[in-house]
Amino acid sequence: MSFNELKWVEFLKHKIKKNKNLFVGIGDDCAIFKEGKNYYLLSSDSFVENVHFQRGKISWINIGKRATARAISDIAACAGHPKFINVCLGVPSWLRKTQLRYITRGIITCAQEHKAVVVGGDTCRSPIIFVNVYVVGKTHRPILRNQAKEEDYIFITGKLGKLKFNQPFRAKVKEADYLVKRFKVNSMIDISDGLIIDLYRILVASKKGALLYKDNLPIYKSWDDIYRGEDYELIFTVDKKESKLERLFLNFYFIGKIKPQSFGYKIKVENKLQKIKVKGFLHF
């Protein structure tokens, strides 16, 4: 298909008029507006049966937990803290009351883990289960995709491919908060669609290239893990003066450097440079 998800977002960015009250609109992990010294982050995420999960392969409570954590992960990617959550549920006629309660318990439990409050939402009849989570977050210093600098060091917060598709997870809110308070973080994004394609989003937004080091990539099992997505680790770039981060005993992995746009997107394999094929999970 010549028209895909990436091109659709670019189309919307140019089609929808910019609003002077918005600090950031379409094209980042969150929409952002400023009020006084605070920045407010807005994001939503959908968790749909037969697209993101299969019934019978994930528990009811984990449907709620995972749906909520996915949305909160976008807030973490902008270095924010989730505050309020709104949930829209698609409920099939066959779904029992007990099952719906477990899904709801998962949503509330995940929200409470991040000190966020579920404030409302909507339910509707649906042929399949879906959970759409809308989150409002807050930060004093938002980190965006479009601020990567040449020679920035590229890090990720954990191993690729370790998280199973039916597992709940904790969005990296604490890690993002730790990083921005101690280091000069220039750009950040969460890994929802795969390391390669999500880092590419930073490169496009920042108009930069990148060099990755194959031997540094923290792959859990298979080389395909760099493309698979659903890891929800953070990719972030820090100023080259922050190279000490590489030597600290933290669960962060140095994987490459930001380069000029003319350099392209490459990976170093046994002292040879190879072009990276940009692929990952796309809905269309």
Protein backbone atom coordinates (compact mmCIF):
# COMPACT_ATOMS: atom_id res chain seq x y z
CA MET A 1 0.00 0.00 0.00
CA SER A 2 1.53 3.31 -1.05
CA PHE A 3 -0.43 5.21 1.60
CA ASN A 4 0.45 4.12 5.13
CA GLU A 5 0.16 5.19 8.75
CA LEU A 6 3.27 7.39 8.65
CA LYS A 7 2.06 9.24 5.56
CA TRP A 8 -1.40 9.65 7.09
CA VAL A 9 0.05 11.44 10.13
CA GLU A 10 2.09 13.73 7.87
CA PHE A 11 -1.07 14.48 5.86
CA LEU A 12 -2.95 15.45 9.04
CA LYS A 13 -0.09 17.65 10.25
CA HIS A 14 -0.34 19.78 7.13
CA LYS A 15 -4.13 19.60 6.76
CA ILE A 16 -5.19 20.69 10.25
CA LYS A 17 -4.62 24.33 11.09
CA LYS A 18 -2.20 25.15 13.89
CA ASN A 19 -3.60 26.67 17.05
CA LYS A 20 -1.68 29.42 18.81
CA ASN A 21 -2.62 27.97 22.21
CA LEU A 22 -0.95 24.64 21.42
CA PHE A 23 2.72 24.11 22.24
CA VAL A 24 2.79 20.83 20.27
CA GLY A 25 0.08 19.41 18.01
CA ILE A 26 -0.08 16.35 15.75
CA GLY A 27 3.13 14.38 15.25
CA ASP A 28 4.51 13.70 18.74
CA ASP A 29 3.60 11.24 21.49
CA CYS A 30 1.31 13.85 23.05
CA ALA A 31 -0.42 17.07 22.17
CA ILE A 32 0.85 19.72 24.58
CA PHE A 33 -0.43 23.07 25.78
CA LYS A 34 1.10 25.44 28.31
CA GLU A 35 -0.62 27.05 31.27
CA GLY A 36 1.65 29.19 33.44
CA LYS A 37 4.80 27.21 34.23
CA ASN A 38 3.14 23.87 33.56
CA TYR A 39 2.78 21.89 30.37
CA TYR A 40 -0.27 19.67 30.00
CA LEU A 41 0.00 16.51 27.92
CA LEU A 42 -2.91 14.92 26.05
CA SER A 43 -2.79 11.45 24.52
CA SER A 44 -5.04 8.50 23.70
CA ASP A 45 -4.42 4.89 22.77
CA SER A 46 -6.66 2.07 21.58
CA PHE A 47 -6.39 -1.59 22.57
CA VAL A 48 -8.47 -3.66 20.16
CA GLU A 49 -9.31 -7.36 20.11
CA ASN A 50 -7.77 -9.27 17.16
CA VAL A 51 -5.46 -6.31 16.47
CA HIS A 52 -3.53 -5.87 19.73
CA PHE A 53 -4.65 -8.96 21.64
CA GLN A 54 -6.49 -12.23 21.24
CA ARG A 55 -9.18 -13.27 23.68
CA GLY A 56 -8.15 -16.39 25.59
CA LYS A 57 -4.43 -15.54 25.39
CA ILE A 58 -4.58 -12.66 27.87
CA SER A 59 -6.41 -12.43 31.19
CA TRP A 60 -9.34 -10.04 31.60
CA ILE A 61 -7.52 -7.96 34.20
CA ASN A 62 -4.45 -7.71 31.98
CA ILE A 63 -6.57 -6.34 29.13
CA GLY A 64 -7.35 -3.38 31.37
CA LYS A 65 -3.82 -3.04 32.73
CA ARG A 66 -2.11 -3.22 29.36
CA ALA A 67 -4.55 -0.86 27.64
CA THR A 68 -3.97 1.77 30.32
CA ALA A 69 -0.19 1.35 30.49
CA ARG A 70 0.08 1.81 26.71
CA ALA A 71 -1.57 5.22 26.94
CA ILE A 72 0.46 6.26 29.98
CA SER A 73 3.63 5.30 28.09
CA ASP A 74 3.00 8.22 25.72
CA ILE A 75 2.96 10.56 28.72
CA ALA A 76 6.25 9.05 29.92
CA ALA A 77 7.78 9.61 26.46
CA CYS A 78 7.24 13.35 26.92
CA ALA A 79 8.65 13.20 30.49
CA GLY A 80 5.27 13.75 32.11
CA HIS A 81 3.20 12.31 34.93
CA PRO A 82 -0.34 11.03 34.22
CA LYS A 83 -3.07 12.80 36.19
CA PHE A 84 -6.49 11.99 34.75
CA ILE A 85 -7.78 9.09 32.67
CA ASN A 86 -10.91 8.77 30.54
CA VAL A 87 -11.89 5.35 29.19
CA CYS A 88 -14.15 4.26 26.33
CA LEU A 89 -15.10 0.57 26.35
CA GLY A 90 -16.50 -1.53 23.53
CA VAL A 91 -18.59 -4.26 25.16
CA PRO A 92 -19.83 -7.33 23.20
CA SER A 93 -23.23 -8.77 24.13
CA TRP A 94 -21.66 -12.05 25.26
CA LEU A 95 -19.30 -10.39 27.80
CA ARG A 96 -20.25 -11.32 31.35
CA LYS A 97 -20.47 -8.87 34.22
CA THR A 98 -17.56 -10.55 36.04
CA GLN A 99 -15.32 -10.26 32.97
CA LEU A 100 -16.14 -6.59 32.54
CA ARG A 101 -15.37 -5.99 36.21
CA TYR A 102 -11.93 -7.57 35.81
CA ILE A 103 -11.14 -5.39 32.79
CA THR A 104 -12.22 -2.33 34.78
CA ARG A 105 -10.17 -3.44 37.79
CA GLY A 106 -7.10 -3.65 35.55
CA ILE A 107 -7.67 -0.11 34.29
CA ILE A 108 -8.08 1.30 37.80
CA THR A 109 -5.13 -0.67 39.22
CA CYS A 110 -2.76 0.60 36.52
CA ALA A 111 -3.99 4.17 36.99
CA GLN A 112 -3.44 3.96 40.76
CA GLU A 113 0.10 2.63 40.29
CA HIS A 114 0.90 5.92 38.58
CA LYS A 115 -1.17 8.06 40.99
CA ALA A 116 -3.65 8.89 38.24
CA VAL A 117 -7.43 9.04 38.59
CA VAL A 118 -10.05 7.55 36.27
CA VAL A 119 -12.56 10.38 35.87
CA GLY A 120 -15.06 9.13 33.29
CA GLY A 121 -15.59 7.72 29.84
CA ASP A 122 -18.16 5.93 27.73
CA THR A 123 -19.36 2.42 26.93
CA CYS A 124 -20.91 1.14 23.74
CA ARG A 125 -22.08 -2.14 22.24
CA SER A 126 -19.44 -3.65 19.98
CA PRO A 127 -18.83 -6.94 18.12
CA ILE A 128 -15.36 -7.11 19.69
CA ILE A 129 -13.72 -5.84 22.88
CA PHE A 130 -11.89 -2.56 22.63
CA VAL A 131 -10.50 -0.19 25.24
CA ASN A 132 -9.65 3.39 24.32
CA VAL A 133 -7.76 5.25 27.03
CA TYR A 134 -7.38 9.03 27.02
CA VAL A 135 -4.81 10.48 29.41
CA VAL A 136 -4.10 13.99 30.66
CA GLY A 137 -0.60 14.43 32.06
CA LYS A 138 1.57 17.21 33.39
CA THR A 139 5.24 18.20 33.26
CA HIS A 140 7.48 21.20 33.81
CA ARG A 141 9.76 20.30 30.89
CA PRO A 142 8.34 18.30 27.98
CA ILE A 143 10.78 16.23 25.93
CA LEU A 144 9.90 16.08 22.24
CA ARG A 145 10.87 14.01 19.22
CA ASN A 146 12.19 16.92 17.18
CA GLN A 147 15.08 18.11 19.36
CA ALA A 148 17.76 15.47 18.73
CA LYS A 149 21.19 17.07 18.15
CA GLU A 150 24.13 15.91 16.06
CA GLU A 151 26.43 13.60 18.04
CA ASP A 152 23.80 12.99 20.71
CA TYR A 153 24.19 9.57 22.31
CA ILE A 154 21.23 7.25 21.72
CA PHE A 155 20.03 5.06 24.60
CA ILE A 156 17.14 2.74 25.35
CA THR A 157 15.84 1.86 28.80
CA GLY A 158 15.64 -1.92 28.49
CA LYS A 159 15.94 -5.08 26.41
CA LEU A 160 14.12 -5.56 23.13
CA GLY A 161 11.66 -8.43 22.79
CA LYS A 162 11.51 -9.31 26.48
CA LEU A 163 7.94 -8.16 27.12
CA LYS A 164 5.30 -10.70 26.09
CA PHE A 165 2.22 -9.46 24.27
CA ASN A 166 -0.14 -10.69 26.99
CA GLN A 167 1.82 -9.30 29.94
CA PRO A 168 1.01 -6.16 31.89
CA PHE A 169 3.87 -3.70 32.18
CA ARG A 170 4.79 -0.52 34.00
CA ALA A 171 5.11 2.54 31.78
CA LYS A 172 8.54 4.16 32.18
CA VAL A 173 7.32 7.28 33.99
CA LYS A 174 9.87 7.02 36.81
CA GLU A 175 12.74 6.39 34.40
CA ALA A 176 11.85 9.44 32.30
CA ASP A 177 11.58 11.58 35.42
CA TYR A 178 14.98 10.35 36.64
CA LEU A 179 16.61 11.11 33.30
CA VAL A 180 15.32 14.64 32.76
CA LYS A 181 16.23 15.66 36.31
CA ARG A 182 19.85 14.50 36.00
CA PHE A 183 20.85 14.63 32.33
CA LYS A 184 20.43 16.84 29.29
CA VAL A 185 17.88 14.74 27.44
CA ASN A 186 17.18 16.25 24.03
CA SER A 187 14.60 13.88 22.51
CA MET A 188 12.57 10.86 23.51
CA ILE A 189 9.93 8.41 22.24
CA ASP A 190 8.48 5.12 23.49
CA ILE A 191 8.90 1.87 21.56
CA SER A 192 5.40 0.88 20.53
CA ASP A 193 5.98 -0.09 16.89
CA GLY A 194 9.61 -1.26 17.02
CA LEU A 195 13.03 0.26 17.76
CA ILE A 196 13.89 0.89 14.12
CA ILE A 197 10.69 2.66 13.08
CA ASP A 198 10.27 4.59 16.34
CA LEU A 199 13.84 5.91 16.27
CA TYR A 200 13.17 6.81 12.64
CA ARG A 201 10.32 9.02 13.86
CA ILE A 202 12.82 10.97 15.97
CA LEU A 203 15.15 11.29 12.98
CA VAL A 204 12.39 12.58 10.68
CA ALA A 205 11.10 15.05 13.27
CA SER A 206 14.62 16.29 14.09
CA LYS A 207 15.86 16.18 10.47
CA LYS A 208 18.82 14.02 11.46
CA GLY A 209 20.47 10.71 10.65
CA ALA A 210 21.75 7.99 12.97
CA LEU A 211 24.42 5.34 13.36
CA LEU A 212 23.56 2.25 15.41
CA TYR A 213 26.03 -0.33 16.71
CA LYS A 214 24.78 -3.88 16.25
CA ASP A 215 26.88 -5.27 19.09
CA ASN A 216 25.32 -2.76 21.49
CA LEU A 217 21.69 -3.61 20.78
CA PRO A 218 20.18 -5.35 23.85
CA ILE A 219 18.25 -8.05 22.01
CA TYR A 220 16.47 -10.56 24.25
CA LYS A 221 16.21 -13.49 21.81
CA SER A 222 15.93 -12.76 18.10
CA TRP A 223 17.30 -10.13 15.71
CA ASP A 224 13.68 -9.55 14.65
CA ASP A 225 13.10 -8.01 18.08
CA ILE A 226 14.41 -4.68 16.75
CA TYR A 227 11.35 -4.52 14.51
CA ARG A 228 8.59 -6.20 16.50
CA GLY A 229 7.29 -3.39 18.74
CA GLU A 230 5.18 -3.56 21.91
CA ASP A 231 8.30 -3.19 24.08
CA TYR A 232 7.31 0.15 25.64
CA GLU A 233 10.89 0.97 26.54
CA LEU A 234 12.04 4.54 25.94
CA ILE A 235 14.45 5.62 23.23
CA PHE A 236 16.17 8.84 24.26
CA THR A 237 19.07 10.97 23.09
CA VAL A 238 21.37 12.91 25.38
CA ASP A 239 23.99 15.56 24.77
CA LYS A 240 27.42 14.09 23.94
CA LYS A 241 28.74 15.69 27.14
CA GLU A 242 26.56 13.22 29.03
CA SER A 243 28.60 10.22 27.88
CA LYS A 244 29.09 9.36 31.57
CA LEU A 245 25.58 7.89 31.42
CA GLU A 246 27.08 4.99 29.47
CA ARG A 247 29.36 4.13 32.37
CA LEU A 248 26.80 4.32 35.18
CA PHE A 249 25.38 1.12 36.61
CA LEU A 250 21.89 1.73 35.26
CA ASN A 251 19.65 -0.44 33.09
CA PHE A 252 20.07 1.89 30.13
CA TYR A 253 21.78 0.77 26.94
CA PHE A 254 23.93 2.93 24.67
CA ILE A 255 23.08 1.90 21.10
CA GLY A 256 24.35 4.62 18.76
CA LYS A 257 24.79 8.28 17.86
CA ILE A 258 22.78 10.95 16.08
CA LYS A 259 24.36 12.06 12.79
CA PRO A 260 23.65 14.76 10.17
CA GLN A 261 20.62 14.09 7.99
CA SER A 262 22.90 13.55 4.98
CA PHE A 263 24.50 10.56 6.76
CA GLY A 264 21.26 8.59 6.57
CA TYR A 265 20.16 5.76 8.84
CA LYS A 266 22.86 3.11 9.21
CA ILE A 267 24.09 0.32 11.43
CA LYS A 268 27.68 -0.78 12.06
CA VAL A 269 28.14 -4.53 11.65
CA GLU A 270 31.68 -5.95 11.99
CA ASN A 271 33.27 -2.59 11.10
CA LYS A 272 31.07 -2.21 8.01
CA LEU A 273 28.26 0.31 7.61
CA GLN A 274 24.94 -0.95 6.31
CA LYS A 275 21.80 0.99 5.46
CA ILE A 276 18.89 0.27 7.77
CA LYS A 277 15.60 -0.80 6.26
CA VAL A 278 12.87 1.15 8.02
CA LYS A 279 10.11 -1.20 9.06
CA GLY A 280 8.06 -2.06 12.11
CA PHE A 281 4.44 -2.44 13.10
CA LEU A 282 2.03 -0.26 11.11
CA HIS A 283 -1.76 -0.59 11.17
CA PHE A 284 -1.93 0.16 7.43
